[in-house]
Amino acid sequence: MKTRSDAPQGPHTMHVHIVDVVQQKEGGYTVIVQPNSDFEIASEEIWRAALPGDFRGATKVDRLWHLYYGSDPGYSPGVWLDIPLPGKGEATQQSTIDRRDVRAPSKELD
């Protein structure tokens, strides 16, 4: 029987749900995310590395995180993302995600 300690050690991922993306009247965007993982996120710095873009900051509100961006970050509500987390000793700036198929198709104006 395998236990947690028998599990292979590799990169960890965090499964997050994009709850909503709100364009702010005064400029910028708020992306509301809900992490669905065993990892406790104690700092906004994980978001800066994991969800790149014109990141301005983050605030935790209950189980949700409000991520603030200066420009459209390219995420759509309802999307689930698997975000690789850096291991011990790895630089958080090196963590990226594959954003293909994350954004809903835009309608072109004639």
N, C-alpha and C. Protein backbone atom coordinates (compact mmCIF):
# COMPACT_ATOMS: atom_id res chain seq x y z
N MET A 1 0.84 -1.17 0.00
CA MET A 1 0.00 0.00 0.00
C MET A 1 0.89 1.24 0.00
N LYS A 2 0.52 2.21 -0.82
CA LYS A 2 1.30 3.45 -0.90
C LYS A 2 0.72 4.48 0.06
N THR A 3 1.60 5.17 0.70
CA THR A 3 1.19 6.27 1.57
C THR A 3 1.69 7.56 0.96
N ARG A 4 1.33 8.66 1.57
CA ARG A 4 1.78 9.95 1.07
C ARG A 4 3.30 10.03 1.00
N SER A 5 3.98 9.46 1.97
CA SER A 5 5.44 9.53 1.96
C SER A 5 6.03 8.69 0.84
N ASP A 6 5.26 7.70 0.31
CA ASP A 6 5.73 6.88 -0.80
C ASP A 6 5.51 7.55 -2.15
N ALA A 7 4.72 8.60 -2.17
CA ALA A 7 4.39 9.26 -3.43
C ALA A 7 5.64 9.88 -4.04
N PRO A 8 5.75 9.85 -5.38
CA PRO A 8 6.92 10.46 -6.00
C PRO A 8 6.98 11.95 -5.73
N GLN A 9 8.18 12.44 -5.49
CA GLN A 9 8.37 13.86 -5.24
C GLN A 9 8.59 14.58 -6.56
N GLY A 10 7.74 15.51 -6.89
CA GLY A 10 7.86 16.25 -8.13
C GLY A 10 7.26 17.62 -7.96
N PRO A 11 7.10 18.34 -9.06
CA PRO A 11 6.54 19.68 -8.95
C PRO A 11 5.09 19.62 -8.45
N HIS A 12 4.74 20.55 -7.62
CA HIS A 12 3.38 20.65 -7.11
C HIS A 12 2.58 21.56 -8.03
N THR A 13 1.29 21.29 -8.13
CA THR A 13 0.42 22.18 -8.89
C THR A 13 -0.74 22.59 -8.02
N MET A 14 -1.28 23.74 -8.32
CA MET A 14 -2.44 24.25 -7.62
C MET A 14 -3.56 24.39 -8.64
N HIS A 15 -4.72 23.84 -8.33
CA HIS A 15 -5.88 23.90 -9.21
C HIS A 15 -6.72 25.11 -8.78
N VAL A 16 -6.91 26.08 -9.66
CA VAL A 16 -7.67 27.29 -9.31
C VAL A 16 -8.80 27.52 -10.29
N HIS A 17 -9.87 28.09 -9.78
CA HIS A 17 -11.05 28.42 -10.56
C HIS A 17 -11.12 29.93 -10.72
N ILE A 18 -11.22 30.40 -11.97
CA ILE A 18 -11.43 31.83 -12.22
C ILE A 18 -12.93 32.08 -12.03
N VAL A 19 -13.28 32.70 -10.93
CA VAL A 19 -14.68 32.94 -10.60
C VAL A 19 -15.25 34.07 -11.44
N ASP A 20 -14.50 35.16 -11.56
CA ASP A 20 -15.00 36.32 -12.31
C ASP A 20 -13.82 37.20 -12.72
N VAL A 21 -14.05 37.97 -13.77
CA VAL A 21 -13.09 38.98 -14.23
C VAL A 21 -13.90 40.26 -14.39
N VAL A 22 -13.52 41.29 -13.63
CA VAL A 22 -14.29 42.53 -13.59
C VAL A 22 -13.42 43.69 -14.06
N GLN A 23 -13.91 44.42 -15.08
CA GLN A 23 -13.21 45.63 -15.51
C GLN A 23 -13.62 46.76 -14.58
N GLN A 24 -12.65 47.45 -14.02
CA GLN A 24 -12.91 48.52 -13.07
C GLN A 24 -13.15 49.84 -13.80
N LYS A 25 -14.07 50.65 -13.30
CA LYS A 25 -14.38 51.95 -13.92
C LYS A 25 -13.17 52.87 -13.94
N GLU A 26 -12.39 52.82 -12.87
CA GLU A 26 -11.22 53.70 -12.78
C GLU A 26 -10.00 53.13 -13.50
N GLY A 27 -10.19 52.03 -14.19
CA GLY A 27 -9.10 51.39 -14.95
C GLY A 27 -8.61 50.14 -14.27
N GLY A 28 -8.14 49.23 -15.06
CA GLY A 28 -7.62 47.98 -14.52
C GLY A 28 -8.69 46.90 -14.44
N TYR A 29 -8.27 45.75 -13.98
CA TYR A 29 -9.15 44.58 -13.90
C TYR A 29 -8.95 43.88 -12.56
N THR A 30 -10.02 43.28 -12.05
CA THR A 30 -9.95 42.42 -10.88
C THR A 30 -10.31 41.02 -11.31
N VAL A 31 -9.41 40.07 -11.06
CA VAL A 31 -9.65 38.67 -11.35
C VAL A 31 -9.90 37.98 -10.01
N ILE A 32 -11.08 37.39 -9.86
CA ILE A 32 -11.44 36.71 -8.62
C ILE A 32 -11.21 35.22 -8.81
N VAL A 33 -10.33 34.65 -7.98
CA VAL A 33 -9.98 33.24 -8.12
C VAL A 33 -10.24 32.50 -6.81
N GLN A 34 -10.55 31.20 -6.95
CA GLN A 34 -10.72 30.34 -5.79
C GLN A 34 -9.78 29.15 -5.94
N PRO A 35 -8.76 29.08 -5.09
CA PRO A 35 -7.86 27.93 -5.14
C PRO A 35 -8.58 26.68 -4.66
N ASN A 36 -8.32 25.56 -5.30
CA ASN A 36 -8.88 24.28 -4.89
C ASN A 36 -7.71 23.32 -4.74
N SER A 37 -7.01 23.45 -3.64
CA SER A 37 -5.83 22.63 -3.44
C SER A 37 -5.55 22.48 -1.95
N ASP A 38 -4.54 21.68 -1.67
CA ASP A 38 -4.11 21.47 -0.29
C ASP A 38 -3.12 22.53 0.17
N PHE A 39 -2.73 23.42 -0.73
CA PHE A 39 -1.72 24.42 -0.40
C PHE A 39 -2.37 25.65 0.20
N GLU A 40 -1.80 26.13 1.28
CA GLU A 40 -2.25 27.38 1.89
C GLU A 40 -1.43 28.51 1.27
N ILE A 41 -2.11 29.46 0.68
CA ILE A 41 -1.43 30.59 0.05
C ILE A 41 -1.36 31.70 1.08
N ALA A 42 -0.16 32.01 1.49
CA ALA A 42 0.03 32.98 2.55
C ALA A 42 0.44 34.35 2.03
N SER A 43 0.77 34.45 0.76
CA SER A 43 1.30 35.69 0.23
C SER A 43 0.82 35.92 -1.19
N GLU A 44 0.69 37.18 -1.57
CA GLU A 44 0.30 37.51 -2.95
C GLU A 44 1.41 37.20 -3.94
N GLU A 45 2.63 36.99 -3.47
CA GLU A 45 3.76 36.76 -4.37
C GLU A 45 3.58 35.51 -5.22
N ILE A 46 2.88 34.50 -4.73
CA ILE A 46 2.65 33.30 -5.53
C ILE A 46 1.82 33.64 -6.76
N TRP A 47 0.89 34.58 -6.63
CA TRP A 47 0.06 34.98 -7.77
C TRP A 47 0.87 35.75 -8.80
N ARG A 48 1.76 36.58 -8.35
CA ARG A 48 2.61 37.37 -9.26
C ARG A 48 3.38 36.43 -10.19
N ALA A 49 3.89 35.34 -9.66
CA ALA A 49 4.67 34.39 -10.46
C ALA A 49 3.78 33.44 -11.25
N ALA A 50 2.68 33.01 -10.65
CA ALA A 50 1.84 31.97 -11.27
C ALA A 50 0.94 32.49 -12.37
N LEU A 51 0.39 33.67 -12.22
CA LEU A 51 -0.53 34.24 -13.20
C LEU A 51 0.07 35.55 -13.70
N PRO A 52 1.01 35.47 -14.63
CA PRO A 52 1.72 36.67 -15.07
C PRO A 52 0.82 37.66 -15.81
N GLY A 53 1.29 38.84 -15.94
CA GLY A 53 0.57 39.92 -16.60
C GLY A 53 0.94 41.21 -15.91
N ASP A 54 0.12 42.23 -16.09
CA ASP A 54 0.36 43.53 -15.47
C ASP A 54 -0.18 43.49 -14.04
N PHE A 55 0.38 42.58 -13.23
CA PHE A 55 -0.08 42.33 -11.86
C PHE A 55 0.23 43.51 -10.96
N ARG A 56 -0.78 43.95 -10.19
CA ARG A 56 -0.62 45.10 -9.30
C ARG A 56 -0.71 44.73 -7.83
N GLY A 57 -1.29 43.56 -7.52
CA GLY A 57 -1.44 43.18 -6.12
C GLY A 57 -2.59 42.20 -5.94
N ALA A 58 -2.79 41.75 -4.70
CA ALA A 58 -3.83 40.78 -4.41
C ALA A 58 -4.32 40.95 -2.99
N THR A 59 -5.58 40.57 -2.78
CA THR A 59 -6.19 40.61 -1.46
C THR A 59 -6.97 39.33 -1.25
N LYS A 60 -6.81 38.71 -0.08
CA LYS A 60 -7.58 37.51 0.24
C LYS A 60 -8.88 37.92 0.91
N VAL A 61 -10.00 37.40 0.39
CA VAL A 61 -11.32 37.67 0.94
C VAL A 61 -11.97 36.31 1.18
N ASP A 62 -12.01 35.88 2.43
CA ASP A 62 -12.49 34.55 2.80
C ASP A 62 -11.66 33.50 2.06
N ARG A 63 -12.30 32.66 1.23
CA ARG A 63 -11.57 31.63 0.48
C ARG A 63 -11.16 32.11 -0.91
N LEU A 64 -11.58 33.31 -1.27
CA LEU A 64 -11.28 33.84 -2.60
C LEU A 64 -10.09 34.79 -2.54
N TRP A 65 -9.42 34.91 -3.67
CA TRP A 65 -8.38 35.92 -3.84
C TRP A 65 -8.82 36.89 -4.92
N HIS A 66 -8.66 38.18 -4.67
CA HIS A 66 -8.92 39.23 -5.65
C HIS A 66 -7.56 39.68 -6.17
N LEU A 67 -7.32 39.42 -7.44
CA LEU A 67 -6.04 39.76 -8.06
C LEU A 67 -6.24 41.00 -8.92
N TYR A 68 -5.38 41.99 -8.76
CA TYR A 68 -5.54 43.26 -9.44
C TYR A 68 -4.51 43.40 -10.57
N TYR A 69 -5.00 43.77 -11.75
CA TYR A 69 -4.16 43.92 -12.94
C TYR A 69 -4.40 45.30 -13.54
N GLY A 70 -3.35 45.89 -14.11
CA GLY A 70 -3.46 47.19 -14.76
C GLY A 70 -4.07 47.11 -16.14
N SER A 71 -3.96 45.95 -16.78
CA SER A 71 -4.54 45.75 -18.11
C SER A 71 -5.20 44.38 -18.15
N ASP A 72 -5.95 44.12 -19.21
CA ASP A 72 -6.69 42.86 -19.35
C ASP A 72 -5.72 41.68 -19.24
N PRO A 73 -5.89 40.83 -18.23
CA PRO A 73 -4.97 39.71 -18.04
C PRO A 73 -5.22 38.53 -18.97
N GLY A 74 -6.36 38.53 -19.66
CA GLY A 74 -6.63 37.47 -20.63
C GLY A 74 -7.27 36.22 -20.07
N TYR A 75 -7.87 36.29 -18.91
CA TYR A 75 -8.55 35.14 -18.31
C TYR A 75 -10.05 35.32 -18.43
N SER A 76 -10.77 34.20 -18.49
CA SER A 76 -12.23 34.23 -18.60
C SER A 76 -12.87 33.56 -17.39
N PRO A 77 -14.02 34.07 -16.93
CA PRO A 77 -14.72 33.44 -15.81
C PRO A 77 -15.10 32.00 -16.16
N GLY A 78 -15.06 31.15 -15.15
CA GLY A 78 -15.46 29.76 -15.31
C GLY A 78 -14.34 28.81 -15.67
N VAL A 79 -13.18 29.34 -15.98
CA VAL A 79 -12.04 28.51 -16.40
C VAL A 79 -11.33 27.94 -15.17
N TRP A 80 -10.87 26.71 -15.28
CA TRP A 80 -10.02 26.09 -14.26
C TRP A 80 -8.60 26.04 -14.79
N LEU A 81 -7.63 26.39 -13.95
CA LEU A 81 -6.22 26.37 -14.34
C LEU A 81 -5.42 25.50 -13.38
N ASP A 82 -4.47 24.77 -13.91
CA ASP A 82 -3.48 24.06 -13.10
C ASP A 82 -2.21 24.88 -13.13
N ILE A 83 -1.84 25.40 -11.98
CA ILE A 83 -0.70 26.31 -11.89
C ILE A 83 0.46 25.58 -11.22
N PRO A 84 1.60 25.47 -11.91
CA PRO A 84 2.76 24.84 -11.27
C PRO A 84 3.31 25.74 -10.17
N LEU A 85 3.61 25.14 -9.05
CA LEU A 85 4.18 25.89 -7.93
C LEU A 85 5.66 25.57 -7.83
N PRO A 86 6.47 26.57 -7.52
CA PRO A 86 7.90 26.31 -7.39
C PRO A 86 8.18 25.44 -6.18
N GLY A 87 9.15 24.57 -6.30
CA GLY A 87 9.57 23.74 -5.17
C GLY A 87 10.48 24.53 -4.26
N LYS A 88 10.88 23.89 -3.18
CA LYS A 88 11.79 24.56 -2.24
C LYS A 88 13.08 24.90 -2.96
N GLY A 89 13.51 26.14 -2.81
CA GLY A 89 14.76 26.57 -3.40
C GLY A 89 14.63 27.08 -4.82
N GLU A 90 13.47 26.91 -5.44
CA GLU A 90 13.29 27.41 -6.81
C GLU A 90 12.82 28.85 -6.76
N ALA A 91 13.19 29.62 -7.72
CA ALA A 91 12.77 31.02 -7.81
C ALA A 91 11.32 31.08 -8.25
N THR A 92 10.50 31.84 -7.55
CA THR A 92 9.09 31.95 -7.92
C THR A 92 8.91 32.66 -9.24
N GLN A 93 9.86 33.47 -9.65
CA GLN A 93 9.72 34.19 -10.91
C GLN A 93 9.77 33.24 -12.11
N GLN A 94 10.25 32.01 -11.93
CA GLN A 94 10.37 31.07 -13.03
C GLN A 94 9.08 30.31 -13.28
N SER A 95 8.10 30.42 -12.39
CA SER A 95 6.85 29.68 -12.53
C SER A 95 5.94 30.36 -13.54
N THR A 96 5.47 29.59 -14.52
CA THR A 96 4.56 30.13 -15.52
C THR A 96 3.48 29.10 -15.80
N ILE A 97 2.42 29.52 -16.50
CA ILE A 97 1.37 28.59 -16.88
C ILE A 97 1.16 28.69 -18.38
N ASP A 98 0.54 27.68 -18.92
CA ASP A 98 0.18 27.67 -20.33
C ASP A 98 -1.19 28.31 -20.43
N ARG A 99 -1.28 29.48 -21.08
CA ARG A 99 -2.53 30.21 -21.13
C ARG A 99 -3.33 29.91 -22.38
N ARG A 100 -2.98 28.88 -23.14
CA ARG A 100 -3.76 28.53 -24.33
C ARG A 100 -5.16 28.13 -23.89
N ASP A 101 -6.13 28.51 -24.67
CA ASP A 101 -7.53 28.16 -24.44
C ASP A 101 -8.08 28.69 -23.12
N VAL A 102 -7.43 29.67 -22.53
CA VAL A 102 -7.91 30.25 -21.29
C VAL A 102 -8.89 31.36 -21.57
N ARG A 103 -8.65 32.12 -22.61
CA ARG A 103 -9.48 33.28 -22.93
C ARG A 103 -10.61 32.87 -23.85
N ALA A 104 -11.79 33.38 -23.59
CA ALA A 104 -12.93 33.12 -24.46
C ALA A 104 -12.71 33.84 -25.78
N PRO A 105 -13.17 33.26 -26.89
CA PRO A 105 -13.00 33.93 -28.18
C PRO A 105 -13.66 35.31 -28.17
N SER A 106 -12.97 36.29 -28.71
CA SER A 106 -13.54 37.63 -28.76
C SER A 106 -14.31 37.81 -30.07
N LYS A 107 -15.33 38.63 -30.00
CA LYS A 107 -16.11 38.94 -31.19
C LYS A 107 -15.50 40.16 -31.85
N GLU A 108 -15.24 40.06 -33.12
CA GLU A 108 -14.66 41.20 -33.82
C GLU A 108 -15.77 42.15 -34.25
N LEU A 109 -15.51 43.41 -34.09
CA LEU A 109 -16.48 44.43 -34.47
C LEU A 109 -16.26 44.81 -35.92
N ASP A 110 -17.33 44.98 -36.67
CA ASP A 110 -17.23 45.39 -38.07
C ASP A 110 -17.19 46.89 -38.19
